[in-house]
């Protein structure tokens, strides 16, 4: 499920990011990805959307990480390219996990 927080706010789908259903969606175990909708209209970036999810909606880094992996799995790519991207992220995971465990970002 694609979620575009800035666009949701701009279109009135939510009246504040603090009342956005994203935390509930994640709590229900939905495979949610963050997106920008149309960055030229919404004047946002994917980085901005992740920061808003963390700072305005209280999404912890471990769930941000999970949404990134959901996005890789759901990317509109030919299967071969998707698998290559998954391999890149798996390698990143191998490198980042020890750091995240030490810093507590997987909790």
Protein backbone atom coordinates (compact mmCIF):
# COMPACT_ATOMS: atom_id res chain seq x y z
CA UNK A 1 0.00 0.00 0.00
CA UNK A 2 1.44 3.34 -1.03
CA UNK A 3 1.22 6.21 1.44
CA UNK A 4 2.06 9.80 0.50
CA UNK A 5 1.93 11.84 3.74
CA UNK A 6 2.53 15.30 2.28
CA UNK A 7 0.00 14.76 -0.49
CA UNK A 8 -2.48 13.30 2.02
CA UNK A 9 -2.16 16.48 4.07
CA UNK A 10 -2.36 18.81 1.06
CA UNK A 11 -5.47 17.13 -0.34
CA UNK A 12 -7.23 17.10 3.01
CA UNK A 13 -7.25 13.32 3.28
CA UNK A 14 -5.83 13.90 6.78
CA UNK A 15 -6.04 17.14 8.75
CA UNK A 16 -2.67 16.69 10.42
CA UNK A 17 0.24 14.30 10.15
CA UNK A 18 -0.24 13.50 13.82
CA UNK A 19 -3.59 11.97 12.86
CA UNK A 20 -2.32 10.10 9.81
CA UNK A 21 -3.28 6.39 9.77
CA UNK A 22 0.26 5.23 8.88
CA UNK A 23 1.12 4.08 12.44
CA UNK A 24 -2.12 2.07 12.56
CA UNK A 25 -1.44 0.57 9.14
CA UNK A 26 1.98 -0.59 10.30
CA UNK A 27 0.56 -1.92 13.58
CA UNK A 28 -1.89 -4.00 11.53
CA UNK A 29 1.03 -5.49 9.62
CA UNK A 30 0.19 -3.91 6.26
CA UNK A 31 3.01 -3.77 3.71
CA UNK A 32 3.22 0.00 3.44
CA UNK A 33 5.62 2.03 1.34
CA UNK A 34 6.21 5.77 1.61
CA UNK A 35 5.99 7.76 -1.60
CA UNK A 36 5.97 11.35 -2.81
CA UNK A 37 2.89 11.21 -5.07
CA UNK A 38 3.94 14.03 -7.44
CA UNK A 39 7.05 15.72 -6.00
CA UNK A 40 6.74 18.70 -8.35
CA UNK A 41 3.24 19.47 -7.04
CA UNK A 42 3.73 18.41 -3.42
CA UNK A 43 7.18 20.05 -3.23
CA UNK A 44 8.61 17.10 -1.30
CA UNK A 45 11.23 14.41 -1.61
CA UNK A 46 11.24 10.81 -0.48
CA UNK A 47 13.74 11.79 2.20
CA UNK A 48 11.29 14.45 3.42
CA UNK A 49 8.51 11.85 3.60
CA UNK A 50 10.65 9.50 5.70
CA UNK A 51 11.62 12.37 8.02
CA UNK A 52 7.97 13.36 8.44
CA UNK A 53 7.05 9.77 9.23
CA UNK A 54 9.67 9.74 11.97
CA UNK A 55 9.25 13.24 13.40
CA UNK A 56 5.52 13.90 12.94
CA UNK A 57 4.06 10.38 13.11
CA UNK A 58 6.48 8.74 15.54
CA UNK A 59 7.50 5.92 13.20
CA UNK A 60 10.63 4.26 14.62
CA UNK A 61 13.69 3.65 12.45
CA UNK A 62 13.11 -0.12 12.42
CA UNK A 63 9.74 0.43 10.71
CA UNK A 64 11.26 2.97 8.32
CA UNK A 65 13.81 0.31 7.44
CA UNK A 66 11.05 -2.24 6.86
CA UNK A 67 9.15 0.16 4.58
CA UNK A 68 12.30 0.64 2.51
CA UNK A 69 12.53 -3.13 2.03
CA UNK A 70 8.82 -3.30 1.13
CA UNK A 71 9.48 -0.60 -1.49
CA UNK A 72 12.33 -2.60 -2.99
CA UNK A 73 10.12 -5.69 -3.16
CA UNK A 74 7.27 -3.70 -4.78
CA UNK A 75 9.38 -1.63 -7.19
CA UNK A 76 7.98 -1.36 -10.70
CA UNK A 77 11.00 -3.07 -12.26
CA UNK A 78 11.58 -6.08 -14.45
CA UNK A 79 12.08 -9.12 -12.20
CA UNK A 80 15.80 -9.37 -12.98
CA UNK A 81 16.39 -5.73 -11.98
CA UNK A 82 14.29 -6.12 -8.84
CA UNK A 83 16.35 -9.15 -7.79
CA UNK A 84 19.57 -7.21 -8.40
CA UNK A 85 18.24 -4.36 -6.25
CA UNK A 86 17.22 -6.82 -3.53
CA UNK A 87 20.77 -8.21 -3.57
CA UNK A 88 22.20 -4.71 -3.13
CA UNK A 89 19.91 -4.11 -0.16
CA UNK A 90 20.71 -7.54 1.30
CA UNK A 91 24.41 -6.65 1.18
CA UNK A 92 23.68 -3.28 2.78
CA UNK A 93 21.70 -5.11 5.47
CA UNK A 94 24.67 -7.39 6.11
CA UNK A 95 26.90 -4.34 6.65
CA UNK A 96 24.37 -2.17 8.52
CA UNK A 97 22.92 -4.75 10.91
CA UNK A 98 25.90 -4.82 13.29
CA UNK A 99 25.89 -1.02 13.41
CA UNK A 100 22.14 -0.88 13.96
CA UNK A 101 22.31 -3.50 16.69
CA UNK A 102 25.00 -1.47 18.44
CA UNK A 103 23.08 1.81 18.05
CA UNK A 104 19.69 0.28 18.89
CA UNK A 105 17.98 1.19 15.63
CA UNK A 106 16.55 -2.31 15.17
CA UNK A 107 14.61 -2.12 18.43
